[in-house]
Amino acid sequence: MDSCQITQWCARFIREQVKPGDLCIDATMGNGNDTLLLSTLCKENGQVLAFDIQEMALANTKKRLLHAGAPENYRLILDSHTNMASYASPESVSCIVFNLPGGDHSLSTKADTSIRALEQGLSLLQKNGLISLCIYSGGDSGFQERDQVLAWLSGLDSQKYLVIRSDYFNRPNNPPIPVLIIKL
């Protein structure tokens, strides 16, 4: 394995999932790393919807995509990931990527909105679709968000979803938790 970073670990599964022509969602755009990966994988005939509530995230992502020569198959959306169902049809999405940073930032994700967004994401996923979820914890709200999201995930119907949680077992300081959700 080339890298032990959570994002690279999750990217391995995303690369296996996304095919040319797919519709994908980056639910937490940030600086656009996942948007770029999804855009590259779904190619010119696919589409990526990328969400963030910070204008700076859209600006940074646009620069990243242009600099990398990404296909122009993306739509950068200044809106909460809790509204993603307004932009895609049920059972139409191949892959959704979430990074839940938590912490004390005033615009970080929160448990209630993250769970609402995940619920919408599940309805948007096509059969055998994938949600890649990186849960970071710490700061003012990260532990609460982590615990509430993990509790919600544990209650998902095992006849409809496969939830795979992995841990960095020997890493200090509350390492991130990668989670994969596959719609059966």
Protein backbone atom coordinates (compact mmCIF):
# COMPACT_ATOMS: atom_id res chain seq x y z
CA MET A 1 0.00 0.00 0.00
CA ASP A 2 1.48 3.33 -1.06
CA SER A 3 -0.01 5.54 1.62
CA CYS A 4 -1.54 5.23 5.04
CA GLN A 5 -3.50 8.48 4.83
CA ILE A 6 -7.25 8.03 5.28
CA THR A 7 -8.04 9.91 2.07
CA GLN A 8 -5.73 7.68 0.02
CA TRP A 9 -7.12 4.55 1.64
CA CYS A 10 -10.67 5.62 0.75
CA ALA A 11 -9.57 6.69 -2.75
CA ARG A 12 -8.60 3.08 -3.49
CA PHE A 13 -12.24 2.02 -3.07
CA ILE A 14 -13.55 5.08 -4.91
CA ARG A 15 -11.31 4.21 -7.90
CA GLU A 16 -12.81 0.72 -7.98
CA GLN A 17 -16.35 2.10 -7.82
CA VAL A 18 -16.49 5.05 -10.23
CA LYS A 19 -16.78 4.34 -13.95
CA PRO A 20 -16.85 6.70 -16.96
CA GLY A 21 -20.31 8.23 -17.31
CA ASP A 22 -21.20 7.97 -13.62
CA LEU A 23 -22.89 10.66 -11.57
CA CYS A 24 -20.95 11.31 -8.36
CA ILE A 25 -21.23 13.70 -5.42
CA ASP A 26 -18.56 15.33 -3.31
CA ALA A 27 -20.71 16.21 -0.31
CA THR A 28 -17.99 18.18 1.49
CA MET A 29 -15.92 19.89 -1.20
CA GLY A 30 -13.28 21.62 0.93
CA ASN A 31 -10.25 22.23 -1.29
CA GLY A 32 -11.49 19.96 -4.06
CA ASN A 33 -9.26 16.90 -3.75
CA ASP A 34 -12.19 14.47 -3.93
CA THR A 35 -13.93 16.56 -6.58
CA LEU A 36 -10.82 16.24 -8.76
CA LEU A 37 -10.61 12.49 -8.20
CA LEU A 38 -14.30 11.97 -9.03
CA SER A 39 -14.12 14.24 -12.10
CA THR A 40 -11.13 12.35 -13.44
CA LEU A 41 -12.72 8.96 -12.86
CA CYS A 42 -16.17 9.64 -14.33
CA LYS A 43 -14.58 11.35 -17.37
CA GLU A 44 -16.16 13.77 -19.82
CA ASN A 45 -19.47 11.93 -20.11
CA GLY A 46 -19.95 11.71 -16.33
CA GLN A 47 -20.87 14.43 -13.85
CA VAL A 48 -19.75 15.52 -10.38
CA LEU A 49 -21.88 17.62 -8.06
CA ALA A 50 -19.69 19.18 -5.37
CA PHE A 51 -21.15 20.92 -2.30
CA ASP A 52 -19.79 23.37 0.24
CA ILE A 53 -21.21 26.26 2.24
CA GLN A 54 -18.02 28.31 2.01
CA GLU A 55 -17.39 30.46 -1.08
CA MET A 56 -13.65 30.03 -0.54
CA ALA A 57 -14.05 26.26 -1.00
CA LEU A 58 -15.64 26.79 -4.41
CA ALA A 59 -12.88 29.21 -5.44
CA ASN A 60 -10.11 26.88 -4.26
CA THR A 61 -11.70 23.86 -5.91
CA LYS A 62 -12.19 25.67 -9.21
CA LYS A 63 -8.50 26.64 -9.23
CA ARG A 64 -7.48 23.06 -8.42
CA LEU A 65 -9.66 21.60 -11.19
CA LEU A 66 -8.48 24.11 -13.81
CA HIS A 67 -4.82 23.68 -12.84
CA ALA A 68 -5.12 19.89 -13.06
CA GLY A 69 -6.90 20.00 -16.44
CA ALA A 70 -9.91 18.11 -15.08
CA PRO A 71 -12.75 17.38 -17.48
CA GLU A 72 -15.41 20.09 -17.35
CA ASN A 73 -17.93 17.65 -15.96
CA TYR A 74 -18.42 19.23 -12.55
CA ARG A 75 -20.84 21.61 -10.93
CA LEU A 76 -19.60 23.47 -7.87
CA ILE A 77 -22.57 24.24 -5.66
CA LEU A 78 -22.66 26.80 -2.85
CA ASP A 79 -25.18 24.95 -0.72
CA SER A 80 -25.35 22.55 2.20
CA HIS A 81 -24.94 18.85 1.55
CA THR A 82 -28.29 18.50 3.32
CA ASN A 83 -29.85 19.78 0.08
CA MET A 84 -28.17 17.38 -2.34
CA ALA A 85 -31.46 15.61 -3.09
CA SER A 86 -32.55 18.81 -4.85
CA TYR A 87 -29.77 18.30 -7.40
CA ALA A 88 -29.93 14.56 -8.20
CA SER A 89 -32.64 11.96 -8.70
CA PRO A 90 -33.17 9.00 -6.38
CA GLU A 91 -31.02 5.96 -7.19
CA SER A 92 -28.95 7.86 -9.79
CA VAL A 93 -25.61 8.30 -8.02
CA SER A 94 -22.70 5.86 -8.15
CA CYS A 95 -20.50 7.35 -5.43
CA ILE A 96 -20.78 9.97 -2.69
CA VAL A 97 -17.77 11.20 -0.73
CA PHE A 98 -17.97 12.77 2.73
CA ASN A 99 -15.18 14.15 4.91
CA LEU A 100 -16.59 15.08 8.30
CA PRO A 101 -13.94 17.25 9.93
CA GLY A 102 -15.69 18.19 13.16
CA GLY A 103 -13.71 20.48 15.43
CA ASP A 104 -14.27 24.03 16.58
CA HIS A 105 -14.53 25.76 13.22
CA SER A 106 -17.71 27.80 12.94
CA LEU A 107 -18.53 26.26 9.56
CA SER A 108 -17.57 22.66 10.24
CA THR A 109 -20.03 19.81 9.84
CA LYS A 110 -22.38 18.94 12.70
CA ALA A 111 -23.93 15.60 13.63
CA ASP A 112 -27.54 16.48 12.84
CA THR A 113 -26.81 17.94 9.40
CA SER A 114 -24.32 15.20 8.54
CA ILE A 115 -26.86 12.50 9.37
CA ARG A 116 -29.54 14.29 7.31
CA ALA A 117 -27.10 14.49 4.40
CA LEU A 118 -26.18 10.81 4.76
CA GLU A 119 -29.89 9.88 4.76
CA GLN A 120 -30.35 11.81 1.53
CA GLY A 121 -27.21 10.23 0.13
CA LEU A 122 -28.57 6.75 0.74
CA SER A 123 -31.73 7.60 -1.21
CA LEU A 124 -29.65 8.96 -4.10
CA LEU A 125 -27.36 5.92 -4.35
CA GLN A 126 -28.03 3.42 -7.08
CA LYS A 127 -27.87 -0.30 -6.30
CA ASN A 128 -24.25 -1.23 -5.43
CA GLY A 129 -23.49 2.46 -5.00
CA LEU A 130 -20.84 3.57 -2.51
CA ILE A 131 -20.58 6.23 0.16
CA SER A 132 -17.02 6.89 1.30
CA LEU A 133 -17.04 8.55 4.69
CA CYS A 134 -13.97 9.88 6.51
CA ILE A 135 -14.78 10.84 10.09
CA TYR A 136 -12.32 13.12 11.84
CA SER A 137 -12.80 13.89 15.52
CA GLY A 138 -11.58 16.37 18.07
CA GLY A 139 -12.15 20.03 18.85
CA ASP A 140 -15.45 21.32 20.17
CA SER A 141 -17.89 19.14 18.23
CA GLY A 142 -15.91 16.39 16.50
CA PHE A 143 -16.31 13.70 19.17
CA GLN A 144 -20.05 14.32 19.41
CA GLU A 145 -20.42 14.18 15.64
CA ARG A 146 -18.29 11.04 15.39
CA ASP A 147 -20.26 9.22 18.08
CA GLN A 148 -23.68 10.22 16.74
CA VAL A 149 -22.81 9.36 13.14
CA LEU A 150 -21.36 5.97 14.15
CA ALA A 151 -24.45 5.21 16.26
CA TRP A 152 -26.69 6.11 13.31
CA LEU A 153 -24.62 3.93 10.96
CA SER A 154 -24.87 0.95 13.32
CA GLY A 155 -28.66 1.14 13.02
CA LEU A 156 -28.81 0.94 9.22
CA ASP A 157 -30.81 -2.01 7.88
CA SER A 158 -28.30 -4.79 7.14
CA GLN A 159 -30.61 -6.11 4.43
CA LYS A 160 -30.26 -2.83 2.52
CA TYR A 161 -26.75 -1.59 3.36
CA LEU A 162 -23.33 -3.00 4.09
CA VAL A 163 -21.41 -0.72 6.46
CA ILE A 164 -17.67 -1.34 6.77
CA ARG A 165 -15.82 0.56 9.46
CA SER A 166 -12.05 0.50 9.69
CA ASP A 167 -9.74 1.90 12.34
CA TYR A 168 -6.17 3.03 12.63
CA PHE A 169 -5.74 0.84 15.66
CA ASN A 170 -2.21 1.81 16.73
CA ARG A 171 -2.30 5.54 15.98
CA PRO A 172 -2.45 8.12 18.78
CA ASN A 173 -4.54 11.30 19.07
CA ASN A 174 -7.95 10.19 17.83
CA PRO A 175 -7.08 9.11 14.29
CA PRO A 176 -9.75 9.45 11.59
CA ILE A 177 -12.22 6.64 10.97
CA PRO A 178 -12.83 5.48 7.40
CA VAL A 179 -16.29 4.04 6.71
CA LEU A 180 -17.68 2.55 3.49
CA ILE A 181 -21.42 2.16 2.93
CA ILE A 182 -22.60 0.00 0.04
CA LYS A 183 -26.23 -0.03 -1.02
CA LEU A 184 -27.31 -3.65 -1.55
